[in-house]
Amino acid sequence: MAEIPEIAMILCFGASWPMNVVKSWKARSTKGKSLAFLCLIFVGYIAGIASKLLNEAYMAEFAAKWYVLVFYVLNFLMVGADLVLYARNYRLDKEKETQA
């Protein structure tokens, strides 16, 4: 039961990532984005995943509590996709600068 508030937190954080990825895709620019913020969130999800995998009590009950880790992984993948789009958009911004 203690995982329910944790899942709620992860869901709240994760609800915005798909919209953010779509916005990054459509914007084709890094304006208004923070690479440092994205990197900190990305590292935070790595730490959260590592925390779960290194927690003996969690791993002992993994068969019953696997879903908690799934939310961390989904958010990690969304932030990773946004980082990839940031790199693409950064390149596009540079191309626009050289054409201007």
Protein backbone atom coordinates (compact mmCIF):
# COMPACT_ATOMS: atom_id res chain seq x y z
CA MET A 1 0.00 0.00 0.00
CA ALA A 2 2.92 2.39 0.58
CA GLU A 3 3.57 2.29 -3.16
CA ILE A 4 0.25 3.98 -3.99
CA PRO A 5 1.42 7.53 -3.05
CA GLU A 6 4.68 6.86 -4.87
CA ILE A 7 2.80 5.76 -7.98
CA ALA A 8 0.62 8.87 -7.72
CA MET A 9 3.74 11.03 -7.62
CA ILE A 10 5.27 9.26 -10.62
CA LEU A 11 1.97 9.47 -12.55
CA CYS A 12 1.72 13.19 -11.88
CA PHE A 13 5.28 13.76 -13.06
CA GLY A 14 4.81 11.43 -15.99
CA ALA A 15 1.49 12.79 -17.22
CA SER A 16 3.16 15.82 -18.76
CA TRP A 17 6.01 14.05 -20.56
CA PRO A 18 4.08 12.72 -23.57
CA MET A 19 2.66 16.20 -24.18
CA ASN A 20 6.13 17.69 -23.75
CA VAL A 21 7.62 15.25 -26.26
CA VAL A 22 4.92 16.12 -28.82
CA LYS A 23 5.52 19.83 -28.21
CA SER A 24 9.26 19.36 -28.74
CA TRP A 25 8.60 17.42 -31.94
CA LYS A 26 6.32 20.10 -33.36
CA ALA A 27 8.34 23.12 -32.16
CA ARG A 28 11.55 22.04 -33.92
CA SER A 29 13.42 24.43 -31.61
CA THR A 30 15.10 24.38 -28.22
CA LYS A 31 13.72 27.79 -27.29
CA GLY A 32 12.02 27.59 -23.92
CA LYS A 33 13.70 24.27 -23.07
CA SER A 34 16.38 23.70 -20.45
CA LEU A 35 18.96 21.02 -21.15
CA ALA A 36 20.13 21.15 -17.52
CA PHE A 37 16.56 20.53 -16.31
CA LEU A 38 16.08 17.59 -18.68
CA CYS A 39 19.41 16.08 -17.62
CA LEU A 40 18.60 16.45 -13.92
CA ILE A 41 15.23 14.77 -14.36
CA PHE A 42 16.83 12.01 -16.46
CA VAL A 43 19.47 11.35 -13.78
CA GLY A 44 16.74 11.47 -11.13
CA TYR A 45 14.83 8.69 -12.85
CA ILE A 46 18.03 6.65 -13.13
CA ALA A 47 18.48 7.10 -9.38
CA GLY A 48 14.86 6.10 -8.73
CA ILE A 49 15.22 2.96 -10.84
CA ALA A 50 18.52 2.09 -9.15
CA SER A 51 16.92 2.66 -5.75
CA LYS A 52 14.23 0.12 -6.54
CA LEU A 53 16.67 -2.43 -7.95
CA LEU A 54 19.02 -2.08 -4.96
CA ASN A 55 16.24 -2.25 -2.35
CA GLU A 56 16.28 -5.82 -1.03
CA ALA A 57 12.79 -5.58 0.48
CA TYR A 58 11.35 -4.33 -2.83
CA MET A 59 13.15 -6.97 -4.86
CA ALA A 60 11.98 -9.71 -2.47
CA GLU A 61 8.39 -8.73 -3.32
CA PHE A 62 9.09 -7.82 -6.96
CA ALA A 63 6.53 -10.28 -8.35
CA ALA A 64 3.79 -8.41 -6.48
CA LYS A 65 5.19 -4.87 -6.88
CA TRP A 66 6.73 -4.80 -10.37
CA TYR A 67 4.28 -2.11 -11.50
CA VAL A 68 6.01 0.57 -9.39
CA LEU A 69 9.22 0.13 -11.38
CA VAL A 70 7.29 0.21 -14.67
CA PHE A 71 6.19 3.80 -13.97
CA TYR A 72 9.79 4.87 -13.35
CA VAL A 73 10.92 3.22 -16.58
CA LEU A 74 8.10 4.78 -18.64
CA ASN A 75 8.96 8.26 -17.36
CA PHE A 76 12.66 7.61 -17.95
CA LEU A 77 11.91 6.68 -21.57
CA MET A 78 9.79 9.81 -22.09
CA VAL A 79 12.51 12.08 -20.72
CA GLY A 80 15.03 10.21 -22.88
CA ALA A 81 12.87 10.85 -25.94
CA ASP A 82 12.69 14.53 -25.04
CA LEU A 83 16.50 14.62 -24.73
CA VAL A 84 16.85 13.08 -28.19
CA LEU A 85 14.44 15.69 -29.55
CA TYR A 86 16.40 18.42 -27.79
CA ALA A 87 19.53 17.29 -29.67
CA ARG A 88 17.60 17.27 -32.96
CA ASN A 89 16.11 20.68 -32.29
CA TYR A 90 19.49 22.09 -31.27
CA ARG A 91 20.88 20.98 -34.62
CA LEU A 92 17.89 22.53 -36.41
CA ASP A 93 18.41 25.80 -34.50
CA LYS A 94 22.07 25.86 -35.60
CA GLU A 95 21.08 25.23 -39.21
CA LYS A 96 18.59 28.12 -39.05
CA GLU A 97 21.32 30.42 -37.66
CA THR A 98 23.73 29.59 -40.48
CA GLN A 99 21.03 30.16 -43.11
CA ALA A 100 20.10 33.57 -41.69
